[in-house]
N, C-alpha and C. Protein backbone atom coordinates (compact mmCIF):
# COMPACT_ATOMS: atom_id res chain seq x y z
N MET A 1 14.45 135.88 -106.61
CA MET A 1 13.23 136.66 -106.78
C MET A 1 12.18 136.14 -105.80
N PRO A 2 11.44 137.02 -105.18
CA PRO A 2 10.43 136.57 -104.23
C PRO A 2 9.28 135.88 -104.96
N ARG A 3 8.64 134.96 -104.29
CA ARG A 3 7.49 134.25 -104.83
C ARG A 3 6.25 135.13 -104.70
N ILE A 4 5.43 135.16 -105.73
CA ILE A 4 4.19 135.92 -105.72
C ILE A 4 3.04 134.95 -105.50
N THR A 5 2.25 135.21 -104.45
CA THR A 5 1.12 134.35 -104.11
C THR A 5 -0.17 135.14 -104.20
N PRO A 6 -1.05 134.81 -105.14
CA PRO A 6 -2.35 135.49 -105.17
C PRO A 6 -3.13 135.21 -103.89
N ASN A 7 -3.70 136.26 -103.33
CA ASN A 7 -4.55 136.15 -102.14
C ASN A 7 -5.97 136.46 -102.57
N LEU A 8 -6.88 135.55 -102.27
CA LEU A 8 -8.26 135.66 -102.70
C LEU A 8 -9.15 135.94 -101.50
N TRP A 9 -9.87 137.04 -101.53
CA TRP A 9 -10.69 137.49 -100.41
C TRP A 9 -12.09 136.89 -100.52
N PHE A 10 -12.49 136.15 -99.52
CA PHE A 10 -13.84 135.58 -99.42
C PHE A 10 -14.52 136.16 -98.19
N ASP A 11 -15.81 136.02 -98.13
CA ASP A 11 -16.54 136.40 -96.92
C ASP A 11 -16.26 135.33 -95.88
N THR A 12 -16.83 134.14 -96.06
CA THR A 12 -16.65 133.04 -95.11
C THR A 12 -16.33 131.71 -95.81
N GLN A 13 -16.28 131.70 -97.14
CA GLN A 13 -16.18 130.44 -97.87
C GLN A 13 -14.77 130.07 -98.32
N GLY A 14 -13.75 130.65 -97.74
CA GLY A 14 -12.37 130.39 -98.18
C GLY A 14 -11.97 128.93 -98.16
N LYS A 15 -12.28 128.23 -97.08
CA LYS A 15 -11.90 126.82 -96.98
C LYS A 15 -12.69 125.97 -97.97
N GLU A 16 -13.99 126.25 -98.06
CA GLU A 16 -14.83 125.52 -99.02
C GLU A 16 -14.33 125.74 -100.45
N ALA A 17 -14.00 126.97 -100.78
CA ALA A 17 -13.50 127.28 -102.12
C ALA A 17 -12.17 126.58 -102.38
N ALA A 18 -11.25 126.63 -101.42
CA ALA A 18 -9.95 125.98 -101.59
C ALA A 18 -10.13 124.47 -101.79
N GLU A 19 -11.01 123.87 -101.01
CA GLU A 19 -11.29 122.43 -101.17
C GLU A 19 -11.84 122.14 -102.56
N PHE A 20 -12.71 123.01 -103.05
CA PHE A 20 -13.26 122.85 -104.40
C PHE A 20 -12.15 122.95 -105.44
N TYR A 21 -11.33 124.00 -105.37
CA TYR A 21 -10.29 124.20 -106.37
C TYR A 21 -9.29 123.05 -106.39
N VAL A 22 -8.88 122.55 -105.22
CA VAL A 22 -7.91 121.44 -105.23
C VAL A 22 -8.55 120.15 -105.75
N SER A 23 -9.88 120.05 -105.71
CA SER A 23 -10.55 118.88 -106.29
C SER A 23 -10.62 118.96 -107.81
N VAL A 24 -10.52 120.16 -108.37
CA VAL A 24 -10.63 120.37 -109.80
C VAL A 24 -9.29 120.23 -110.51
N PHE A 25 -8.22 120.76 -109.91
CA PHE A 25 -6.93 120.81 -110.57
C PHE A 25 -6.02 119.68 -110.08
N PRO A 26 -5.31 119.01 -111.01
CA PRO A 26 -4.39 117.93 -110.61
C PRO A 26 -3.21 118.48 -109.80
N ASN A 27 -2.57 117.60 -109.06
CA ASN A 27 -1.37 117.95 -108.30
C ASN A 27 -1.61 119.14 -107.39
N SER A 28 -2.72 119.13 -106.69
CA SER A 28 -3.12 120.26 -105.86
C SER A 28 -3.42 119.80 -104.44
N LYS A 29 -3.23 120.72 -103.48
CA LYS A 29 -3.48 120.35 -102.09
C LYS A 29 -3.60 121.59 -101.22
N ILE A 30 -4.27 121.42 -100.09
CA ILE A 30 -4.31 122.44 -99.06
C ILE A 30 -3.07 122.23 -98.19
N THR A 31 -2.35 123.29 -97.92
CA THR A 31 -1.10 123.16 -97.16
C THR A 31 -1.18 123.70 -95.74
N ASN A 32 -2.16 124.58 -95.47
CA ASN A 32 -2.28 125.13 -94.12
C ASN A 32 -3.63 125.81 -93.95
N VAL A 33 -4.17 125.72 -92.76
CA VAL A 33 -5.38 126.45 -92.39
C VAL A 33 -5.09 127.17 -91.09
N SER A 34 -5.37 128.49 -91.05
CA SER A 34 -5.21 129.24 -89.80
C SER A 34 -6.58 129.74 -89.37
N TYR A 35 -6.67 130.07 -88.08
CA TYR A 35 -7.97 130.42 -87.50
C TYR A 35 -7.87 131.74 -86.75
N TYR A 36 -8.99 132.45 -86.70
CA TYR A 36 -9.06 133.66 -85.89
C TYR A 36 -8.91 133.26 -84.43
N GLY A 37 -8.22 134.11 -83.66
CA GLY A 37 -8.06 133.90 -82.22
C GLY A 37 -9.00 134.82 -81.46
N GLU A 38 -8.74 134.96 -80.20
CA GLU A 38 -9.58 135.79 -79.33
C GLU A 38 -9.56 137.26 -79.72
N ALA A 39 -8.50 137.72 -80.40
CA ALA A 39 -8.39 139.12 -80.79
C ALA A 39 -9.36 139.50 -81.90
N GLY A 40 -9.98 138.49 -82.57
CA GLY A 40 -10.97 138.78 -83.60
C GLY A 40 -10.36 139.22 -84.91
N PRO A 41 -11.07 139.91 -85.73
CA PRO A 41 -12.39 140.49 -85.50
C PRO A 41 -13.54 139.51 -85.68
N ARG A 42 -13.27 138.32 -86.09
CA ARG A 42 -14.31 137.29 -86.22
C ARG A 42 -14.23 136.36 -85.02
N PRO A 43 -15.26 135.55 -84.82
CA PRO A 43 -15.26 134.65 -83.65
C PRO A 43 -14.03 133.74 -83.64
N ALA A 44 -13.46 133.55 -82.46
CA ALA A 44 -12.31 132.65 -82.30
C ALA A 44 -12.68 131.28 -82.83
N GLY A 45 -11.73 130.67 -83.56
CA GLY A 45 -11.95 129.35 -84.13
C GLY A 45 -12.49 129.37 -85.54
N THR A 46 -12.91 130.55 -86.02
CA THR A 46 -13.38 130.68 -87.40
C THR A 46 -12.17 130.67 -88.34
N VAL A 47 -12.30 130.04 -89.50
CA VAL A 47 -11.19 129.99 -90.46
C VAL A 47 -10.81 131.39 -90.89
N LEU A 48 -9.52 131.71 -90.77
CA LEU A 48 -8.97 133.00 -91.22
C LEU A 48 -8.39 132.86 -92.62
N THR A 49 -7.39 131.98 -92.77
CA THR A 49 -6.76 131.79 -94.09
C THR A 49 -6.62 130.31 -94.40
N VAL A 50 -6.56 130.04 -95.69
CA VAL A 50 -6.30 128.69 -96.19
C VAL A 50 -5.23 128.83 -97.26
N ASP A 51 -4.09 128.20 -97.04
CA ASP A 51 -3.02 128.17 -98.04
C ASP A 51 -3.22 126.90 -98.86
N PHE A 52 -3.16 127.04 -100.18
CA PHE A 52 -3.32 125.88 -101.04
C PHE A 52 -2.49 126.05 -102.29
N VAL A 53 -2.26 124.94 -102.97
CA VAL A 53 -1.44 124.91 -104.18
C VAL A 53 -2.26 124.28 -105.28
N LEU A 54 -2.33 124.95 -106.43
CA LEU A 54 -2.98 124.40 -107.61
C LEU A 54 -1.91 124.11 -108.64
N ASP A 55 -1.58 122.84 -108.79
CA ASP A 55 -0.58 122.37 -109.75
C ASP A 55 0.70 123.21 -109.70
N GLY A 56 1.21 123.42 -108.49
CA GLY A 56 2.48 124.11 -108.29
C GLY A 56 2.37 125.60 -107.97
N GLN A 57 1.22 126.22 -108.22
CA GLN A 57 1.04 127.65 -107.96
C GLN A 57 0.39 127.84 -106.59
N PRO A 58 1.06 128.54 -105.66
CA PRO A 58 0.46 128.77 -104.35
C PRO A 58 -0.59 129.88 -104.38
N TYR A 59 -1.59 129.72 -103.54
CA TYR A 59 -2.65 130.71 -103.33
C TYR A 59 -2.96 130.76 -101.85
N THR A 60 -3.58 131.86 -101.43
CA THR A 60 -4.12 131.97 -100.08
C THR A 60 -5.54 132.48 -100.19
N ALA A 61 -6.45 131.79 -99.51
CA ALA A 61 -7.83 132.25 -99.39
C ALA A 61 -7.95 132.91 -98.03
N ILE A 62 -8.52 134.09 -98.00
CA ILE A 62 -8.69 134.86 -96.76
C ILE A 62 -10.18 135.04 -96.51
N ASN A 63 -10.65 134.64 -95.35
CA ASN A 63 -12.03 134.92 -94.96
C ASN A 63 -12.04 136.27 -94.27
N GLY A 64 -12.17 137.33 -95.09
CA GLY A 64 -12.05 138.68 -94.56
C GLY A 64 -13.36 139.39 -94.32
N GLY A 65 -14.46 138.83 -94.80
CA GLY A 65 -15.75 139.48 -94.61
C GLY A 65 -16.37 139.90 -95.93
N PRO A 66 -17.57 140.44 -95.86
CA PRO A 66 -18.34 140.74 -97.08
C PRO A 66 -17.97 142.06 -97.76
N GLU A 67 -17.00 142.79 -97.24
CA GLU A 67 -16.70 144.12 -97.78
C GLU A 67 -16.23 144.11 -99.23
N PHE A 68 -15.54 143.07 -99.66
CA PHE A 68 -14.99 143.02 -101.02
C PHE A 68 -15.47 141.76 -101.72
N THR A 69 -15.72 141.89 -103.02
CA THR A 69 -16.12 140.74 -103.83
C THR A 69 -15.28 140.72 -105.10
N PHE A 70 -15.30 139.59 -105.77
CA PHE A 70 -14.56 139.45 -107.02
C PHE A 70 -15.31 140.15 -108.16
N ASP A 71 -14.54 140.61 -109.15
CA ASP A 71 -15.13 141.05 -110.40
C ASP A 71 -14.17 140.67 -111.53
N GLU A 72 -14.56 140.96 -112.75
CA GLU A 72 -13.78 140.52 -113.91
C GLU A 72 -12.46 141.27 -114.09
N ALA A 73 -12.19 142.26 -113.25
CA ALA A 73 -10.92 142.97 -113.37
C ALA A 73 -9.73 142.05 -113.12
N VAL A 74 -9.98 140.95 -112.41
CA VAL A 74 -8.95 139.94 -112.19
C VAL A 74 -9.54 138.59 -112.57
N SER A 75 -8.80 137.83 -113.36
CA SER A 75 -9.26 136.50 -113.74
C SER A 75 -8.05 135.57 -113.82
N PHE A 76 -8.33 134.29 -113.83
CA PHE A 76 -7.28 133.28 -113.98
C PHE A 76 -7.48 132.57 -115.30
N LEU A 77 -6.44 132.54 -116.12
CA LEU A 77 -6.49 131.88 -117.42
C LEU A 77 -5.97 130.46 -117.28
N ILE A 78 -6.74 129.52 -117.79
CA ILE A 78 -6.32 128.11 -117.83
C ILE A 78 -5.95 127.81 -119.27
N ASP A 79 -4.68 127.54 -119.50
CA ASP A 79 -4.17 127.25 -120.83
C ASP A 79 -4.36 125.75 -121.07
N CYS A 80 -5.42 125.40 -121.80
CA CYS A 80 -5.81 124.00 -122.00
C CYS A 80 -5.14 123.41 -123.23
N ALA A 81 -4.70 122.18 -123.13
CA ALA A 81 -4.01 121.51 -124.22
C ALA A 81 -4.93 121.22 -125.40
N ASP A 82 -6.20 120.91 -125.11
CA ASP A 82 -7.10 120.46 -126.17
C ASP A 82 -8.56 120.65 -125.74
N GLN A 83 -9.47 120.22 -126.59
CA GLN A 83 -10.90 120.38 -126.31
C GLN A 83 -11.32 119.59 -125.08
N GLU A 84 -10.72 118.45 -124.87
CA GLU A 84 -11.05 117.64 -123.69
C GLU A 84 -10.78 118.43 -122.40
N GLU A 85 -9.65 119.10 -122.32
CA GLU A 85 -9.35 119.92 -121.15
C GLU A 85 -10.28 121.12 -121.05
N VAL A 86 -10.58 121.76 -122.17
CA VAL A 86 -11.52 122.88 -122.15
C VAL A 86 -12.85 122.41 -121.58
N ASP A 87 -13.35 121.28 -122.09
CA ASP A 87 -14.64 120.75 -121.63
C ASP A 87 -14.61 120.44 -120.14
N TYR A 88 -13.52 119.82 -119.67
CA TYR A 88 -13.40 119.44 -118.26
C TYR A 88 -13.45 120.68 -117.35
N TYR A 89 -12.56 121.64 -117.60
CA TYR A 89 -12.49 122.81 -116.73
C TYR A 89 -13.75 123.67 -116.84
N TRP A 90 -14.29 123.78 -118.03
CA TRP A 90 -15.52 124.56 -118.21
C TRP A 90 -16.64 123.94 -117.39
N SER A 91 -16.78 122.64 -117.49
CA SER A 91 -17.85 121.94 -116.76
C SER A 91 -17.68 122.07 -115.25
N LYS A 92 -16.49 121.80 -114.76
CA LYS A 92 -16.24 121.82 -113.31
C LYS A 92 -16.38 123.23 -112.73
N LEU A 93 -15.77 124.21 -113.39
CA LEU A 93 -15.74 125.56 -112.82
C LEU A 93 -17.04 126.34 -113.02
N SER A 94 -17.80 126.03 -114.06
CA SER A 94 -19.04 126.77 -114.28
C SER A 94 -20.21 126.19 -113.48
N GLU A 95 -20.05 124.99 -112.95
CA GLU A 95 -21.14 124.37 -112.18
C GLU A 95 -21.49 125.25 -110.97
N GLY A 96 -22.73 125.70 -110.94
CA GLY A 96 -23.18 126.59 -109.87
C GLY A 96 -22.76 128.03 -110.07
N GLY A 97 -22.04 128.29 -111.16
CA GLY A 97 -21.58 129.65 -111.44
C GLY A 97 -22.31 130.23 -112.62
N GLN A 98 -21.58 130.96 -113.45
CA GLN A 98 -22.20 131.66 -114.57
C GLN A 98 -21.29 131.59 -115.79
N GLU A 99 -21.81 131.05 -116.88
CA GLU A 99 -21.05 131.00 -118.13
C GLU A 99 -21.06 132.37 -118.78
N GLY A 100 -19.95 132.74 -119.36
CA GLY A 100 -19.84 134.03 -120.02
C GLY A 100 -19.39 133.87 -121.46
N PRO A 101 -19.09 134.97 -122.13
CA PRO A 101 -18.65 134.93 -123.52
C PRO A 101 -17.15 134.68 -123.64
N CYS A 102 -16.75 134.23 -124.83
CA CYS A 102 -15.34 134.17 -125.23
C CYS A 102 -14.48 133.33 -124.30
N GLY A 103 -15.02 132.25 -123.75
CA GLY A 103 -14.25 131.37 -122.89
C GLY A 103 -14.17 131.82 -121.43
N TRP A 104 -14.92 132.85 -121.05
CA TRP A 104 -14.93 133.34 -119.67
C TRP A 104 -16.08 132.72 -118.91
N LEU A 105 -15.86 132.52 -117.61
CA LEU A 105 -16.93 132.08 -116.72
C LEU A 105 -16.64 132.59 -115.32
N LYS A 106 -17.68 132.60 -114.51
CA LYS A 106 -17.52 132.87 -113.08
C LYS A 106 -17.88 131.60 -112.35
N ASP A 107 -17.05 131.19 -111.41
CA ASP A 107 -17.38 130.00 -110.64
C ASP A 107 -18.40 130.34 -109.56
N LYS A 108 -18.79 129.36 -108.79
CA LYS A 108 -19.84 129.55 -107.78
C LYS A 108 -19.42 130.50 -106.66
N TYR A 109 -18.16 130.86 -106.60
CA TYR A 109 -17.67 131.81 -105.60
C TYR A 109 -17.50 133.21 -106.20
N GLY A 110 -17.79 133.36 -107.49
CA GLY A 110 -17.69 134.65 -108.14
C GLY A 110 -16.34 134.95 -108.78
N LEU A 111 -15.40 134.00 -108.70
CA LEU A 111 -14.08 134.19 -109.28
C LEU A 111 -14.14 133.95 -110.79
N SER A 112 -13.52 134.83 -111.57
CA SER A 112 -13.54 134.73 -113.03
C SER A 112 -12.39 133.88 -113.55
N TRP A 113 -12.71 133.06 -114.53
CA TRP A 113 -11.76 132.16 -115.17
C TRP A 113 -11.88 132.32 -116.69
N GLN A 114 -10.75 132.19 -117.36
CA GLN A 114 -10.72 132.11 -118.82
C GLN A 114 -10.24 130.70 -119.16
N VAL A 115 -11.09 129.93 -119.80
CA VAL A 115 -10.78 128.54 -120.15
C VAL A 115 -10.46 128.55 -121.65
N VAL A 116 -9.17 128.47 -121.98
CA VAL A 116 -8.70 128.77 -123.33
C VAL A 116 -7.85 127.63 -123.88
N PRO A 117 -8.18 127.15 -125.08
CA PRO A 117 -7.31 126.15 -125.71
C PRO A 117 -6.02 126.81 -126.18
N ALA A 118 -4.91 126.12 -126.03
CA ALA A 118 -3.61 126.67 -126.41
C ALA A 118 -3.57 127.07 -127.88
N VAL A 119 -4.32 126.38 -128.72
CA VAL A 119 -4.31 126.67 -130.15
C VAL A 119 -4.87 128.06 -130.46
N LEU A 120 -5.65 128.63 -129.57
CA LEU A 120 -6.24 129.95 -129.85
C LEU A 120 -5.16 130.99 -130.10
N GLU A 121 -4.15 131.03 -129.25
CA GLU A 121 -3.08 132.02 -129.43
C GLU A 121 -2.40 131.85 -130.78
N GLU A 122 -2.12 130.60 -131.12
CA GLU A 122 -1.49 130.31 -132.42
C GLU A 122 -2.36 130.82 -133.57
N LEU A 123 -3.66 130.56 -133.51
CA LEU A 123 -4.57 130.97 -134.57
C LEU A 123 -4.71 132.49 -134.64
N LEU A 124 -4.74 133.15 -133.49
CA LEU A 124 -4.87 134.60 -133.48
C LEU A 124 -3.60 135.31 -133.94
N LYS A 125 -2.46 134.61 -133.86
CA LYS A 125 -1.18 135.20 -134.30
C LYS A 125 -0.80 134.75 -135.71
N ASP A 126 -1.74 134.14 -136.41
CA ASP A 126 -1.47 133.65 -137.76
C ASP A 126 -0.94 134.81 -138.61
N PRO A 127 0.11 134.60 -139.39
CA PRO A 127 0.63 135.68 -140.24
C PRO A 127 -0.39 136.16 -141.28
N ASP A 128 -1.35 135.33 -141.60
CA ASP A 128 -2.43 135.71 -142.51
C ASP A 128 -3.49 136.42 -141.67
N ALA A 129 -3.53 137.74 -141.79
CA ALA A 129 -4.43 138.56 -140.96
C ALA A 129 -5.90 138.19 -141.16
N GLU A 130 -6.28 137.78 -142.34
CA GLU A 130 -7.67 137.39 -142.59
C GLU A 130 -8.04 136.14 -141.80
N ARG A 131 -7.13 135.17 -141.77
CA ARG A 131 -7.37 133.95 -140.96
C ARG A 131 -7.54 134.32 -139.49
N ALA A 132 -6.64 135.16 -138.99
CA ALA A 132 -6.70 135.57 -137.59
C ALA A 132 -8.01 136.30 -137.29
N GLN A 133 -8.45 137.15 -138.18
CA GLN A 133 -9.70 137.89 -137.97
C GLN A 133 -10.92 136.97 -137.98
N ARG A 134 -10.90 135.95 -138.82
CA ARG A 134 -12.01 134.98 -138.82
C ARG A 134 -12.06 134.24 -137.49
N VAL A 135 -10.91 133.90 -136.96
CA VAL A 135 -10.85 133.23 -135.66
C VAL A 135 -11.38 134.16 -134.57
N MET A 136 -10.95 135.41 -134.59
CA MET A 136 -11.42 136.37 -133.59
C MET A 136 -12.94 136.50 -133.66
N LYS A 137 -13.48 136.64 -134.85
CA LYS A 137 -14.93 136.77 -135.01
C LYS A 137 -15.65 135.54 -134.47
N ALA A 138 -15.13 134.36 -134.77
CA ALA A 138 -15.74 133.12 -134.27
C ALA A 138 -15.68 133.07 -132.75
N MET A 139 -14.52 133.41 -132.19
CA MET A 139 -14.37 133.37 -130.73
C MET A 139 -15.36 134.32 -130.05
N LEU A 140 -15.54 135.51 -130.61
CA LEU A 140 -16.42 136.50 -130.02
C LEU A 140 -17.88 136.03 -129.98
N GLY A 141 -18.21 135.05 -130.80
CA GLY A 141 -19.57 134.52 -130.81
C GLY A 141 -19.75 133.29 -129.95
N MET A 142 -18.72 132.86 -129.27
CA MET A 142 -18.78 131.63 -128.46
C MET A 142 -18.91 131.93 -126.98
N GLY A 143 -19.43 130.97 -126.25
CA GLY A 143 -19.34 130.93 -124.79
C GLY A 143 -18.11 130.08 -124.50
N LYS A 144 -18.35 128.77 -124.27
CA LYS A 144 -17.22 127.84 -124.16
C LYS A 144 -16.55 127.78 -125.52
N LEU A 145 -15.22 127.83 -125.53
CA LEU A 145 -14.49 127.81 -126.80
C LEU A 145 -14.47 126.41 -127.40
N ASP A 146 -14.64 126.38 -128.72
CA ASP A 146 -14.73 125.14 -129.49
C ASP A 146 -13.55 125.09 -130.45
N VAL A 147 -12.60 124.20 -130.17
CA VAL A 147 -11.37 124.11 -130.95
C VAL A 147 -11.66 123.83 -132.42
N ALA A 148 -12.55 122.89 -132.71
CA ALA A 148 -12.85 122.54 -134.10
C ALA A 148 -13.46 123.74 -134.83
N ALA A 149 -14.35 124.46 -134.17
CA ALA A 149 -14.97 125.63 -134.79
C ALA A 149 -13.96 126.75 -135.01
N LEU A 150 -13.03 126.91 -134.10
CA LEU A 150 -11.98 127.93 -134.27
C LEU A 150 -11.09 127.58 -135.45
N ARG A 151 -10.71 126.29 -135.56
CA ARG A 151 -9.89 125.86 -136.71
C ARG A 151 -10.65 126.03 -138.02
N ALA A 152 -11.93 125.69 -137.99
CA ALA A 152 -12.76 125.82 -139.20
C ALA A 152 -12.86 127.30 -139.61
N ALA A 153 -13.01 128.18 -138.63
CA ALA A 153 -13.07 129.60 -138.95
C ALA A 153 -11.76 130.06 -139.57
N ALA A 154 -10.65 129.60 -139.03
CA ALA A 154 -9.35 129.96 -139.59
C ALA A 154 -9.25 129.53 -141.05
N ASP A 155 -9.79 128.36 -141.35
CA ASP A 155 -9.73 127.81 -142.71
C ASP A 155 -10.80 128.37 -143.63
N GLY A 156 -11.67 129.23 -143.06
CA GLY A 156 -12.71 129.84 -143.87
C GLY A 156 -13.89 128.92 -144.13
N ALA A 157 -14.00 127.86 -143.35
CA ALA A 157 -15.10 126.90 -143.55
C ALA A 157 -16.34 127.29 -142.79
């Protein structure tokens, strides 16, 4: 099966963004940087693409110009093991960006992220529909997700 690599369109900040992302995620690195040549359309020597890997997942940042920007139609979900991971990724990725509801945020480059504790799926799929609905209601009232508060909602506390 062919490998699928998300390509992220930036105006001019592709290398800066890739450097930021590899600093946030473990086991990550930039693997290649290519540059515009004399054919353009940007000045020769300007960064064209940056290939990078975030914990095993390849990405490419493209400095394509201001014509396209990110919106919430595409986001990246970070499946966090616990509250410590939620706090870490929320803090790092929201810095200079915008915090949103229900575990969503936009980073300083406008890319949307969902920072979600793994327990959320378990709680939302609880066979007791009332427990699951209490969790959903609690989540809908949160910005950064709070594992203890989600568990408490499930328990009716």
